[in-house]
């Protein structure tokens, strides 16, 4: 399933003031582009865990997993596949 739109909406709702009107592409690194502030990373992990009912392990808390919409989508897909296989 494609969760990119839900991720886009969450990120869009958390952009810093000076970037509110700029669209984000699925491969844009919103951390490097400074579209979000440092607190956003914690909110993003919380959003992913709650929304998709998955747990992000400490070793998965690598910024590389969360820095773009596509990478975050891939992480969610992997976690949901693992969760489904465990059931």
C-alpha atoms as a PDB file:
ATOM      1  CA  UNK A   1       0.000   0.000   0.000  1.00  0.00           C
ATOM      2  CA  UNK A   2       1.203   3.522  -0.714  1.00  0.00           C
ATOM      3  CA  UNK A   3       1.369   5.682   2.406  1.00  0.00           C
ATOM      4  CA  UNK A   4       3.184   8.606   0.806  1.00  0.00           C
ATOM      5  CA  UNK A   5       0.185  10.967   0.874  1.00  0.00           C
ATOM      6  CA  UNK A   6      -0.278  10.497   4.620  1.00  0.00           C
ATOM      7  CA  UNK A   7       3.429  11.140   5.153  1.00  0.00           C
ATOM      8  CA  UNK A   8       3.292  14.235   2.902  1.00  0.00           C
ATOM      9  CA  UNK A   9       0.383  15.634   4.891  1.00  0.00           C
ATOM     10  CA  UNK A  10       2.146  15.094   8.210  1.00  0.00           C
ATOM     11  CA  UNK A  11       5.332  16.732   6.960  1.00  0.00           C
ATOM     12  CA  UNK A  12       3.385  19.583   5.363  1.00  0.00           C
ATOM     13  CA  UNK A  13       1.690  20.280   8.680  1.00  0.00           C
ATOM     14  CA  UNK A  14       5.080  20.510  10.407  1.00  0.00           C
ATOM     15  CA  UNK A  15       7.088  22.681   8.012  1.00  0.00           C
ATOM     16  CA  UNK A  16       8.934  25.653   9.413  1.00  0.00           C
ATOM     17  CA  UNK A  17       7.226  28.970   8.768  1.00  0.00           C
ATOM     18  CA  UNK A  18       9.540  30.083   5.938  1.00  0.00           C
ATOM     19  CA  UNK A  19       8.870  26.876   3.952  1.00  0.00           C
ATOM     20  CA  UNK A  20       5.110  26.542   4.360  1.00  0.00           C
ATOM     21  CA  UNK A  21       4.345  27.319   0.725  1.00  0.00           C
ATOM     22  CA  UNK A  22       7.074  25.214  -0.904  1.00  0.00           C
ATOM     23  CA  UNK A  23       6.145  21.737  -2.128  1.00  0.00           C
ATOM     24  CA  UNK A  24       8.291  18.794  -1.052  1.00  0.00           C
ATOM     25  CA  UNK A  25       9.184  16.092  -3.542  1.00  0.00           C
ATOM     26  CA  UNK A  26       9.303  12.481  -2.405  1.00  0.00           C
ATOM     27  CA  UNK A  27      13.107  12.411  -2.636  1.00  0.00           C
ATOM     28  CA  UNK A  28      13.754  15.812  -1.008  1.00  0.00           C
ATOM     29  CA  UNK A  29      15.762  15.528   2.199  1.00  0.00           C
ATOM     30  CA  UNK A  30      13.641  17.820   4.364  1.00  0.00           C
ATOM     31  CA  UNK A  31      16.260  17.800   7.135  1.00  0.00           C
ATOM     32  CA  UNK A  32      19.107  18.961   4.861  1.00  0.00           C
ATOM     33  CA  UNK A  33      16.827  21.539   3.241  1.00  0.00           C
ATOM     34  CA  UNK A  34      15.910  22.798   6.732  1.00  0.00           C
ATOM     35  CA  UNK A  35      12.196  22.472   6.062  1.00  0.00           C
ATOM     36  CA  UNK A  36      11.696  21.120   9.573  1.00  0.00           C
ATOM     37  CA  UNK A  37      13.206  21.791  12.983  1.00  0.00           C
ATOM     38  CA  UNK A  38      14.992  19.394  15.316  1.00  0.00           C
ATOM     39  CA  UNK A  39      11.859  18.521  17.300  1.00  0.00           C
ATOM     40  CA  UNK A  40      10.276  17.270  14.113  1.00  0.00           C
ATOM     41  CA  UNK A  41      12.371  14.079  14.114  1.00  0.00           C
ATOM     42  CA  UNK A  42      10.832  12.949  17.398  1.00  0.00           C
ATOM     43  CA  UNK A  43       7.341  13.857  16.223  1.00  0.00           C
ATOM     44  CA  UNK A  44       7.914  11.972  12.979  1.00  0.00           C
ATOM     45  CA  UNK A  45       8.916   8.762  14.778  1.00  0.00           C
ATOM     46  CA  UNK A  46       5.893   9.110  17.081  1.00  0.00           C
ATOM     47  CA  UNK A  47       3.594   9.683  14.090  1.00  0.00           C
ATOM     48  CA  UNK A  48       4.916   6.601  12.275  1.00  0.00           C
ATOM     49  CA  UNK A  49       4.609   4.339  15.320  1.00  0.00           C
ATOM     50  CA  UNK A  50       1.078   5.472  16.160  1.00  0.00           C
ATOM     51  CA  UNK A  51      -0.332   5.784  12.653  1.00  0.00           C
ATOM     52  CA  UNK A  52       0.972   2.474  11.377  1.00  0.00           C
ATOM     53  CA  UNK A  53       1.003   0.613  14.711  1.00  0.00           C
ATOM     54  CA  UNK A  54       4.633  -0.385  14.387  1.00  0.00           C
ATOM     55  CA  UNK A  55       7.608  -0.058  16.687  1.00  0.00           C
ATOM     56  CA  UNK A  56      10.784   1.550  15.436  1.00  0.00           C
ATOM     57  CA  UNK A  57      13.784  -0.250  16.942  1.00  0.00           C
ATOM     58  CA  UNK A  58      16.786   1.729  18.163  1.00  0.00           C
ATOM     59  CA  UNK A  59      18.942   0.498  15.278  1.00  0.00           C
ATOM     60  CA  UNK A  60      16.318   1.818  12.830  1.00  0.00           C
ATOM     61  CA  UNK A  61      16.464   5.339  14.284  1.00  0.00           C
ATOM     62  CA  UNK A  62      18.965   6.287  11.606  1.00  0.00           C
ATOM     63  CA  UNK A  63      18.228   9.596   9.906  1.00  0.00           C
ATOM     64  CA  UNK A  64      18.706   7.828   6.569  1.00  0.00           C
ATOM     65  CA  UNK A  65      15.428   5.976   7.220  1.00  0.00           C
ATOM     66  CA  UNK A  66      13.494   9.187   7.869  1.00  0.00           C
ATOM     67  CA  UNK A  67      15.043  11.901   5.686  1.00  0.00           C
ATOM     68  CA  UNK A  68      12.804  11.595   2.610  1.00  0.00           C
ATOM     69  CA  UNK A  69       9.228  10.576   1.988  1.00  0.00           C
ATOM     70  CA  UNK A  70      10.372   7.637  -0.145  1.00  0.00           C
ATOM     71  CA  UNK A  71      12.815   6.315   2.448  1.00  0.00           C
ATOM     72  CA  UNK A  72      10.245   6.639   5.205  1.00  0.00           C
ATOM     73  CA  UNK A  73       7.679   4.860   3.056  1.00  0.00           C
ATOM     74  CA  UNK A  74      10.145   2.017   2.469  1.00  0.00           C
ATOM     75  CA  UNK A  75      10.790   1.701   6.217  1.00  0.00           C
ATOM     76  CA  UNK A  76       7.059   1.550   6.930  1.00  0.00           C
ATOM     77  CA  UNK A  77       6.561  -1.083   4.225  1.00  0.00           C
ATOM     78  CA  UNK A  78       9.383  -3.224   5.646  1.00  0.00           C
ATOM     79  CA  UNK A  79       8.048  -2.934   9.190  1.00  0.00           C
ATOM     80  CA  UNK A  80       4.482  -3.781   8.149  1.00  0.00           C
ATOM     81  CA  UNK A  81       5.687  -6.767   6.112  1.00  0.00           C
ATOM     82  CA  UNK A  82       7.674  -8.054   9.092  1.00  0.00           C
ATOM     83  CA  UNK A  83       4.704  -7.457  11.386  1.00  0.00           C
ATOM     84  CA  UNK A  84       2.388  -9.306   8.976  1.00  0.00           C
ATOM     85  CA  UNK A  85       4.790 -12.237   8.701  1.00  0.00           C
ATOM     86  CA  UNK A  86       4.929 -12.531  12.496  1.00  0.00           C
ATOM     87  CA  UNK A  87       1.129 -12.884  12.751  1.00  0.00           C
END
